[in-house]
Amino acid sequence: MPKAVRFREIEGPEVLKLEEVQPQNPGKGEVRLKVQAIGLNRAESMFYRGQYLYQPKFPAGLGYEAEA
């Protein structure tokens, strides 16, 4: 089963958890990628700390920059 970095509260890096997730089927015009690694950048560290432009909806995930 695929895994994702997720968090369920605003705090520091200790709230980040690697969780198994149920894959969703791609919609029209979408594709599914097999991701080997993700990079966590400054914007994402601000996101899980509640300092980004918008607040997360829990459970929230990270990994917008991926290596497929």
PDB file of N, CA and C in Angstrom:
ATOM      1  N   MET A   1       0.850  -1.169   0.000  1.00  0.00           N
ATOM      2  CA  MET A   1       0.000   0.000   0.000  1.00  0.00           C
ATOM      3  C   MET A   1       0.902   1.241   0.000  1.00  0.00           C
ATOM      4  N   PRO A   2       0.534   2.289  -0.739  1.00  0.00           N
ATOM      5  CA  PRO A   2       1.336   3.511  -0.785  1.00  0.00           C
ATOM      6  C   PRO A   2       1.405   4.189   0.585  1.00  0.00           C
ATOM      7  N   LYS A   3       2.445   4.986   0.775  1.00  0.00           N
ATOM      8  CA  LYS A   3       2.620   5.721   2.027  1.00  0.00           C
ATOM      9  C   LYS A   3       2.719   7.208   1.728  1.00  0.00           C
ATOM     10  N   ALA A   4       2.341   8.027   2.705  1.00  0.00           N
ATOM     11  CA  ALA A   4       2.388   9.477   2.564  1.00  0.00           C
ATOM     12  C   ALA A   4       2.828  10.090   3.880  1.00  0.00           C
ATOM     13  N   VAL A   5       3.501  11.236   3.801  1.00  0.00           N
ATOM     14  CA  VAL A   5       3.842  12.008   4.993  1.00  0.00           C
ATOM     15  C   VAL A   5       2.617  12.862   5.317  1.00  0.00           C
ATOM     16  N   ARG A   6       2.065  12.652   6.524  1.00  0.00           N
ATOM     17  CA  ARG A   6       0.856  13.370   6.922  1.00  0.00           C
ATOM     18  C   ARG A   6       1.018  13.927   8.324  1.00  0.00           C
ATOM     19  N   PHE A   7       0.152  14.884   8.652  1.00  0.00           N
ATOM     20  CA  PHE A   7       0.103  15.410  10.006  1.00  0.00           C
ATOM     21  C   PHE A   7      -1.328  15.775  10.347  1.00  0.00           C
ATOM     22  N   ARG A   8      -1.633  15.783  11.642  1.00  0.00           N
ATOM     23  CA  ARG A   8      -3.004  15.987  12.111  1.00  0.00           C
ATOM     24  C   ARG A   8      -3.132  17.127  13.111  1.00  0.00           C
ATOM     25  N   GLU A   9      -2.046  17.880  13.287  1.00  0.00           N
ATOM     26  CA  GLU A   9      -2.070  19.047  14.168  1.00  0.00           C
ATOM     27  C   GLU A   9      -0.937  19.982  13.769  1.00  0.00           C
ATOM     28  N   ILE A  10      -1.060  21.243  14.172  1.00  0.00           N
ATOM     29  CA  ILE A  10      -0.040  22.257  13.903  1.00  0.00           C
ATOM     30  C   ILE A  10       1.031  22.156  14.982  1.00  0.00           C
ATOM     31  N   GLU A  11       2.276  21.999  14.554  1.00  0.00           N
ATOM     32  CA  GLU A  11       3.392  21.919  15.507  1.00  0.00           C
ATOM     33  C   GLU A  11       4.681  21.818  14.709  1.00  0.00           C
ATOM     34  N   GLY A  12       5.715  21.300  15.317  1.00  0.00           N
ATOM     35  CA  GLY A  12       7.002  21.133  14.667  1.00  0.00           C
ATOM     36  C   GLY A  12       7.080  19.806  13.926  1.00  0.00           C
ATOM     37  N   PRO A  13       8.283  19.418  13.500  1.00  0.00           N
ATOM     38  CA  PRO A  13       8.451  18.209  12.690  1.00  0.00           C
ATOM     39  C   PRO A  13       8.049  16.919  13.405  1.00  0.00           C
ATOM     40  N   GLU A  14       7.917  16.962  14.714  1.00  0.00           N
ATOM     41  CA  GLU A  14       7.526  15.748  15.446  1.00  0.00           C
ATOM     42  C   GLU A  14       6.114  15.286  15.111  1.00  0.00           C
ATOM     43  N   VAL A  15       5.278  16.136  14.520  1.00  0.00           N
ATOM     44  CA  VAL A  15       3.911  15.731  14.165  1.00  0.00           C
ATOM     45  C   VAL A  15       3.844  14.990  12.832  1.00  0.00           C
ATOM     46  N   LEU A  16       4.930  14.997  12.061  1.00  0.00           N
ATOM     47  CA  LEU A  16       4.938  14.328  10.759  1.00  0.00           C
ATOM     48  C   LEU A  16       4.998  12.818  10.938  1.00  0.00           C
ATOM     49  N   LYS A  17       4.115  12.116  10.266  1.00  0.00           N
ATOM     50  CA  LYS A  17       4.041  10.654  10.359  1.00  0.00           C
ATOM     51  C   LYS A  17       3.986  10.063   8.958  1.00  0.00           C
ATOM     52  N   LEU A  18       4.639   8.943   8.777  1.00  0.00           N
ATOM     53  CA  LEU A  18       4.551   8.194   7.528  1.00  0.00           C
ATOM     54  C   LEU A  18       3.377   7.229   7.679  1.00  0.00           C
ATOM     55  N   GLU A  19       2.335   7.428   6.884  1.00  0.00           N
ATOM     56  CA  GLU A  19       1.108   6.636   7.000  1.00  0.00           C
ATOM     57  C   GLU A  19       0.785   5.939   5.690  1.00  0.00           C
ATOM     58  N   GLU A  20       0.185   4.781   5.798  1.00  0.00           N
ATOM     59  CA  GLU A  20      -0.332   4.099   4.611  1.00  0.00           C
ATOM     60  C   GLU A  20      -1.613   4.797   4.183  1.00  0.00           C
ATOM     61  N   VAL A  21      -1.762   4.974   2.874  1.00  0.00           N
ATOM     62  CA  VAL A  21      -2.950   5.646   2.336  1.00  0.00           C
ATOM     63  C   VAL A  21      -3.576   4.792   1.243  1.00  0.00           C
ATOM     64  N   GLN A  22      -4.868   4.909   1.115  1.00  0.00           N
ATOM     65  CA  GLN A  22      -5.593   4.201   0.059  1.00  0.00           C
ATOM     66  C   GLN A  22      -5.450   5.006  -1.228  1.00  0.00           C
ATOM     67  N   PRO A  23      -4.893   4.422  -2.297  1.00  0.00           N
ATOM     68  CA  PRO A  23      -4.755   5.181  -3.543  1.00  0.00           C
ATOM     69  C   PRO A  23      -6.114   5.463  -4.170  1.00  0.00           C
ATOM     70  N   GLN A  24      -6.239   6.646  -4.760  1.00  0.00           N
ATOM     71  CA  GLN A  24      -7.463   7.015  -5.464  1.00  0.00           C
ATOM     72  C   GLN A  24      -7.239   6.839  -6.955  1.00  0.00           C
ATOM     73  N   ASN A  25      -8.268   6.466  -7.670  1.00  0.00           N
ATOM     74  CA  ASN A  25      -8.165   6.345  -9.119  1.00  0.00           C
ATOM     75  C   ASN A  25      -8.064   7.736  -9.727  1.00  0.00           C
ATOM     76  N   PRO A  26      -7.198   7.901 -10.726  1.00  0.00           N
ATOM     77  CA  PRO A  26      -7.086   9.209 -11.379  1.00  0.00           C
ATOM     78  C   PRO A  26      -8.390   9.590 -12.073  1.00  0.00           C
ATOM     79  N   GLY A  27      -8.682  10.878 -12.061  1.00  0.00           N
ATOM     80  CA  GLY A  27      -9.857  11.389 -12.750  1.00  0.00           C
ATOM     81  C   GLY A  27      -9.529  11.670 -14.210  1.00  0.00           C
ATOM     82  N   LYS A  28     -10.490  12.178 -14.921  1.00  0.00           N
ATOM     83  CA  LYS A  28     -10.305  12.501 -16.331  1.00  0.00           C
ATOM     84  C   LYS A  28      -9.202  13.552 -16.466  1.00  0.00           C
ATOM     85  N   GLY A  29      -8.235  13.285 -17.345  1.00  0.00           N
ATOM     86  CA  GLY A  29      -7.123  14.204 -17.564  1.00  0.00           C
ATOM     87  C   GLY A  29      -6.022  14.110 -16.522  1.00  0.00           C
ATOM     88  N   GLU A  30      -6.099  13.138 -15.612  1.00  0.00           N
ATOM     89  CA  GLU A  30      -5.087  12.944 -14.570  1.00  0.00           C
ATOM     90  C   GLU A  30      -4.340  11.636 -14.801  1.00  0.00           C
ATOM     91  N   VAL A  31      -3.172  11.524 -14.211  1.00  0.00           N
ATOM     92  CA  VAL A  31      -2.396  10.289 -14.259  1.00  0.00           C
ATOM     93  C   VAL A  31      -1.921   9.957 -12.852  1.00  0.00           C
ATOM     94  N   ARG A  32      -1.577   8.714 -12.621  1.00  0.00           N
ATOM     95  CA  ARG A  32      -0.998   8.284 -11.348  1.00  0.00           C
ATOM     96  C   ARG A  32       0.493   8.075 -11.551  1.00  0.00           C
ATOM     97  N   LEU A  33       1.300   8.623 -10.666  1.00  0.00           N
ATOM     98  CA  LEU A  33       2.750   8.461 -10.705  1.00  0.00           C
ATOM     99  C   LEU A  33       3.199   7.564  -9.561  1.00  0.00           C
ATOM    100  N   LYS A  34       4.210   6.773  -9.826  1.00  0.00           N
ATOM    101  CA  LYS A  34       4.841   6.021  -8.755  1.00  0.00           C
ATOM    102  C   LYS A  34       6.012   6.877  -8.265  1.00  0.00           C
ATOM    103  N   VAL A  35       5.890   7.421  -7.086  1.00  0.00           N
ATOM    104  CA  VAL A  35       6.881   8.342  -6.540  1.00  0.00           C
ATOM    105  C   VAL A  35       7.890   7.564  -5.710  1.00  0.00           C
ATOM    106  N   GLN A  36       9.157   7.796  -5.984  1.00  0.00           N
ATOM    107  CA  GLN A  36      10.239   7.120  -5.258  1.00  0.00           C
ATOM    108  C   GLN A  36      10.703   7.920  -4.044  1.00  0.00           C
ATOM    109  N   ALA A  37      10.628   9.246  -4.137  1.00  0.00           N
ATOM    110  CA  ALA A  37      11.110  10.104  -3.052  1.00  0.00           C
ATOM    111  C   ALA A  37      10.422  11.460  -3.135  1.00  0.00           C
ATOM    112  N   ILE A  38      10.322  12.130  -1.995  1.00  0.00           N
ATOM    113  CA  ILE A  38       9.793  13.487  -1.963  1.00  0.00           C
ATOM    114  C   ILE A  38      10.820  14.394  -1.298  1.00  0.00           C
ATOM    115  N   GLY A  39      10.757  15.657  -1.632  1.00  0.00           N
ATOM    116  CA  GLY A  39      11.584  16.653  -0.966  1.00  0.00           C
ATOM    117  C   GLY A  39      10.684  17.569  -0.162  1.00  0.00           C
ATOM    118  N   LEU A  40      11.032  17.799   1.092  1.00  0.00           N
ATOM    119  CA  LEU A  40      10.262  18.719   1.918  1.00  0.00           C
ATOM    120  C   LEU A  40      10.971  20.063   1.900  1.00  0.00           C
ATOM    121  N   ASN A  41      10.280  21.080   1.400  1.00  0.00           N
ATOM    122  CA  ASN A  41      10.902  22.383   1.247  1.00  0.00           C
ATOM    123  C   ASN A  41      10.454  23.355   2.336  1.00  0.00           C
ATOM    124  N   ARG A  42      10.946  24.583   2.241  1.00  0.00           N
ATOM    125  CA  ARG A  42      10.647  25.589   3.266  1.00  0.00           C
ATOM    126  C   ARG A  42       9.148  25.864   3.369  1.00  0.00           C
ATOM    127  N   ALA A  43       8.460  25.951   2.237  1.00  0.00           N
ATOM    128  CA  ALA A  43       7.024  26.219   2.255  1.00  0.00           C
ATOM    129  C   ALA A  43       6.276  25.117   3.009  1.00  0.00           C
ATOM    130  N   GLU A  44       6.692  23.876   2.814  1.00  0.00           N
ATOM    131  CA  GLU A  44       6.018  22.774   3.513  1.00  0.00           C
ATOM    132  C   GLU A  44       6.304  22.798   5.010  1.00  0.00           C
ATOM    133  N   SER A  45       7.512  23.193   5.407  1.00  0.00           N
ATOM    134  CA  SER A  45       7.797  23.307   6.839  1.00  0.00           C
ATOM    135  C   SER A  45       6.960  24.424   7.462  1.00  0.00           C
ATOM    136  N   MET A  46       6.689  25.478   6.700  1.00  0.00           N
ATOM    137  CA  MET A  46       5.797  26.531   7.180  1.00  0.00           C
ATOM    138  C   MET A  46       4.361  26.022   7.266  1.00  0.00           C
ATOM    139  N   PHE A  47       3.970  25.146   6.332  1.00  0.00           N
ATOM    140  CA  PHE A  47       2.610  24.610   6.292  1.00  0.00           C
ATOM    141  C   PHE A  47       2.302  23.799   7.544  1.00  0.00           C
ATOM    142  N   TYR A  48       3.169  22.846   7.930  1.00  0.00           N
ATOM    143  CA  TYR A  48       2.850  22.026   9.103  1.00  0.00           C
ATOM    144  C   TYR A  48       3.002  22.802  10.411  1.00  0.00           C
ATOM    145  N   ARG A  49       3.628  23.959  10.370  1.00  0.00           N
ATOM    146  CA  ARG A  49       3.733  24.821  11.552  1.00  0.00           C
ATOM    147  C   ARG A  49       2.606  25.853  11.613  1.00  0.00           C
ATOM    148  N   GLY A  50       1.730  25.874  10.579  1.00  0.00           N
ATOM    149  CA  GLY A  50       0.623  26.817  10.548  1.00  0.00           C
ATOM    150  C   GLY A  50       1.029  28.217  10.141  1.00  0.00           C
ATOM    151  N   GLN A  51       2.154  28.373   9.430  1.00  0.00           N
ATOM    152  CA  GLN A  51       2.672  29.686   9.047  1.00  0.00           C
ATOM    153  C   GLN A  51       2.598  29.944   7.549  1.00  0.00           C
ATOM    154  N   TYR A  52       1.884  29.095   6.816  1.00  0.00           N
ATOM    155  CA  TYR A  52       1.805  29.241   5.360  1.00  0.00           C
ATOM    156  C   TYR A  52       0.633  30.142   4.984  1.00  0.00           C
ATOM    157  N   LEU A  53       0.439  30.388   3.687  1.00  0.00           N
ATOM    158  CA  LEU A  53      -0.622  31.268   3.200  1.00  0.00           C
ATOM    159  C   LEU A  53      -2.014  30.781   3.574  1.00  0.00           C
ATOM    160  N   TYR A  54      -2.199  29.472   3.653  1.00  0.00           N
ATOM    161  CA  TYR A  54      -3.490  28.913   4.047  1.00  0.00           C
ATOM    162  C   TYR A  54      -3.261  27.831   5.091  1.00  0.00           C
ATOM    163  N   GLN A  55      -4.288  27.552   5.865  1.00  0.00           N
ATOM    164  CA  GLN A  55      -4.198  26.581   6.937  1.00  0.00           C
ATOM    165  C   GLN A  55      -4.559  25.181   6.428  1.00  0.00           C
ATOM    166  N   PRO A  56      -3.895  24.152   6.956  1.00  0.00           N
ATOM    167  CA  PRO A  56      -4.178  22.784   6.507  1.00  0.00           C
ATOM    168  C   PRO A  56      -5.548  22.302   6.975  1.00  0.00           C
ATOM    169  N   LYS A  57      -6.111  21.388   6.193  1.00  0.00           N
ATOM    170  CA  LYS A  57      -7.318  20.657   6.584  1.00  0.00           C
ATOM    171  C   LYS A  57      -6.857  19.250   6.927  1.00  0.00           C
ATOM    172  N   PHE A  58      -7.130  18.814   8.124  1.00  0.00           N
ATOM    173  CA  PHE A  58      -6.579  17.543   8.625  1.00  0.00           C
ATOM    174  C   PHE A  58      -7.396  16.337   8.200  1.00  0.00           C
ATOM    175  N   PRO A  59      -6.749  15.194   7.970  1.00  0.00           N
ATOM    176  CA  PRO A  59      -5.296  15.029   7.950  1.00  0.00           C
ATOM    177  C   PRO A  59      -4.712  15.691   6.705  1.00  0.00           C
ATOM    178  N   ALA A  60      -3.617  16.389   6.879  1.00  0.00           N
ATOM    179  CA  ALA A  60      -2.954  17.087   5.791  1.00  0.00           C
ATOM    180  C   ALA A  60      -1.709  16.328   5.368  1.00  0.00           C
ATOM    181  N   GLY A  61      -1.313  16.498   4.121  1.00  0.00           N
ATOM    182  CA  GLY A  61      -0.151  15.800   3.612  1.00  0.00           C
ATOM    183  C   GLY A  61       0.903  16.749   3.075  1.00  0.00           C
ATOM    184  N   LEU A  62       2.093  16.228   2.927  1.00  0.00           N
ATOM    185  CA  LEU A  62       3.222  16.965   2.376  1.00  0.00           C
ATOM    186  C   LEU A  62       3.770  16.213   1.174  1.00  0.00           C
ATOM    187  N   GLY A  63       4.707  16.842   0.469  1.00  0.00           N
ATOM    188  CA  GLY A  63       5.359  16.166  -0.639  1.00  0.00           C
ATOM    189  C   GLY A  63       4.977  16.698  -1.994  1.00  0.00           C
ATOM    190  N   TYR A  64       4.883  18.005  -2.134  1.00  0.00           N
ATOM    191  CA  TYR A  64       4.521  18.596  -3.420  1.00  0.00           C
ATOM    192  C   TYR A  64       5.647  18.479  -4.435  1.00  0.00           C
ATOM    193  N   GLU A  65       6.873  18.348  -3.963  1.00  0.00           N
ATOM    194  CA  GLU A  65       8.003  18.153  -4.860  1.00  0.00           C
ATOM    195  C   GLU A  65       8.375  16.679  -4.795  1.00  0.00           C
ATOM    196  N   ALA A  66       8.216  15.973  -5.908  1.00  0.00           N
ATOM    197  CA  ALA A  66       8.405  14.533  -5.904  1.00  0.00           C
ATOM    198  C   ALA A  66       9.365  14.109  -7.015  1.00  0.00           C
ATOM    199  N   GLU A  67      10.012  12.978  -6.812  1.00  0.00           N
ATOM    200  CA  GLU A  67      10.877  12.366  -7.814  1.00  0.00           C
ATOM    201  C   GLU A  67      10.195  11.065  -8.242  1.00  0.00           C
ATOM    202  N   ALA A  68       9.689  11.058  -9.465  1.00  0.00           N
ATOM    203  CA  ALA A  68       8.970   9.870  -9.943  1.00  0.00           C
ATOM    204  C   ALA A  68       9.900   8.924 -10.657  1.00  0.00           C
TER     205      ALA A  68
END
